[in-house]
Amino acid sequence: MRVIKWHVNASFAVHSDMKSHTGATMSLRKGLAYARSTRQKLNTKSSTEAELVGVDEIMAQVLWIR
């Protein structure tokens, strides 16, 4: 049985221009199959908004792999 798990996280306003950073990983069974770390394109007002932008940025990859 294949179980694909996605983990997405964001760090709020960590860059000098106050942009946040997104990290995402995909694991397949016990191994890491995909990893991505990128600066967000939008400025956000809170850590919650940064998390939502991070999920939105990675969702295309999630759907494509699915």
C-alpha atoms as a PDB file:
ATOM      1  CA  MET A   1       0.000   0.000   0.000  1.00  0.00           C
ATOM      2  CA  ARG A   2       1.423   3.373  -1.018  1.00  0.00           C
ATOM      3  CA  VAL A   3       0.966   6.211   1.420  1.00  0.00           C
ATOM      4  CA  ILE A   4       2.056   9.651   0.268  1.00  0.00           C
ATOM      5  CA  LYS A   5       2.418  12.290   2.968  1.00  0.00           C
ATOM      6  CA  TRP A   6       2.976  15.999   2.385  1.00  0.00           C
ATOM      7  CA  HIS A   7       4.358  18.415   4.970  1.00  0.00           C
ATOM      8  CA  VAL A   8       4.331  22.160   4.327  1.00  0.00           C
ATOM      9  CA  ASN A   9       5.675  24.820   6.660  1.00  0.00           C
ATOM     10  CA  ALA A  10       6.333  28.550   6.444  1.00  0.00           C
ATOM     11  CA  SER A  11       8.538  30.963   8.350  1.00  0.00           C
ATOM     12  CA  PHE A  12       7.041  34.429   8.633  1.00  0.00           C
ATOM     13  CA  ALA A  13       9.055  37.495   7.495  1.00  0.00           C
ATOM     14  CA  VAL A  14      12.522  35.932   7.697  1.00  0.00           C
ATOM     15  CA  HIS A  15      14.046  37.689   4.679  1.00  0.00           C
ATOM     16  CA  SER A  16      15.431  41.239   4.700  1.00  0.00           C
ATOM     17  CA  ASP A  17      12.499  42.472   2.578  1.00  0.00           C
ATOM     18  CA  MET A  18      10.072  40.934   5.135  1.00  0.00           C
ATOM     19  CA  LYS A  19       9.002  38.114   2.811  1.00  0.00           C
ATOM     20  CA  SER A  20       8.322  34.687   4.259  1.00  0.00           C
ATOM     21  CA  HIS A  21       9.853  31.333   3.339  1.00  0.00           C
ATOM     22  CA  THR A  22       8.105  28.052   2.456  1.00  0.00           C
ATOM     23  CA  GLY A  23       9.410  24.529   2.824  1.00  0.00           C
ATOM     24  CA  ALA A  24       7.661  21.367   1.661  1.00  0.00           C
ATOM     25  CA  THR A  25       8.454  17.664   1.661  1.00  0.00           C
ATOM     26  CA  MET A  26       6.740  14.593   0.270  1.00  0.00           C
ATOM     27  CA  SER A  27       7.434  11.186   1.724  1.00  0.00           C
ATOM     28  CA  LEU A  28       6.575   7.841   0.177  1.00  0.00           C
ATOM     29  CA  ARG A  29       6.474   5.098   2.795  1.00  0.00           C
ATOM     30  CA  LYS A  30       9.684   5.629   4.799  1.00  0.00           C
ATOM     31  CA  GLY A  31      11.691   7.675   2.301  1.00  0.00           C
ATOM     32  CA  LEU A  32      11.761  11.305   1.272  1.00  0.00           C
ATOM     33  CA  ALA A  33      10.747  11.593  -2.393  1.00  0.00           C
ATOM     34  CA  TYR A  34      10.485  15.372  -2.913  1.00  0.00           C
ATOM     35  CA  ALA A  35      11.686  18.491  -1.121  1.00  0.00           C
ATOM     36  CA  ARG A  36      11.295  22.174  -1.921  1.00  0.00           C
ATOM     37  CA  SER A  37      12.411  25.342  -0.181  1.00  0.00           C
ATOM     38  CA  THR A  38      11.523  28.718  -1.635  1.00  0.00           C
ATOM     39  CA  ARG A  39      11.016  32.370  -0.814  1.00  0.00           C
ATOM     40  CA  GLN A  40       7.392  33.449  -1.028  1.00  0.00           C
ATOM     41  CA  LYS A  41       6.394  35.871  -3.778  1.00  0.00           C
ATOM     42  CA  LEU A  42       3.892  37.773  -1.619  1.00  0.00           C
ATOM     43  CA  ASN A  43       4.323  39.812   1.541  1.00  0.00           C
ATOM     44  CA  THR A  44       2.040  38.491   4.274  1.00  0.00           C
ATOM     45  CA  LYS A  45       0.603  40.121   7.389  1.00  0.00           C
ATOM     46  CA  SER A  46       0.834  37.160   9.766  1.00  0.00           C
ATOM     47  CA  SER A  47       2.325  33.711  10.237  1.00  0.00           C
ATOM     48  CA  THR A  48      -1.081  32.162   9.538  1.00  0.00           C
ATOM     49  CA  GLU A  49      -1.299  33.968   6.211  1.00  0.00           C
ATOM     50  CA  ALA A  50       2.264  32.853   5.399  1.00  0.00           C
ATOM     51  CA  GLU A  51       1.239  29.223   6.030  1.00  0.00           C
ATOM     52  CA  LEU A  52      -1.762  29.598   3.699  1.00  0.00           C
ATOM     53  CA  VAL A  53       0.387  31.147   0.956  1.00  0.00           C
ATOM     54  CA  GLY A  54       2.841  28.269   1.382  1.00  0.00           C
ATOM     55  CA  VAL A  55       0.105  25.667   0.949  1.00  0.00           C
ATOM     56  CA  ASP A  56      -1.212  27.525  -2.089  1.00  0.00           C
ATOM     57  CA  GLU A  57       2.252  27.595  -3.673  1.00  0.00           C
ATOM     58  CA  ILE A  58       2.798  23.846  -3.238  1.00  0.00           C
ATOM     59  CA  MET A  59      -0.737  22.689  -4.089  1.00  0.00           C
ATOM     60  CA  ALA A  60      -0.071  22.537  -7.857  1.00  0.00           C
ATOM     61  CA  GLN A  61       2.754  20.054  -7.214  1.00  0.00           C
ATOM     62  CA  VAL A  62       0.556  17.997  -4.870  1.00  0.00           C
ATOM     63  CA  LEU A  63      -2.199  17.724  -7.488  1.00  0.00           C
ATOM     64  CA  TRP A  64       0.234  16.953 -10.286  1.00  0.00           C
ATOM     65  CA  ILE A  65       1.817  14.085  -8.336  1.00  0.00           C
ATOM     66  CA  ARG A  66      -1.580  12.771  -7.288  1.00  0.00           C
END
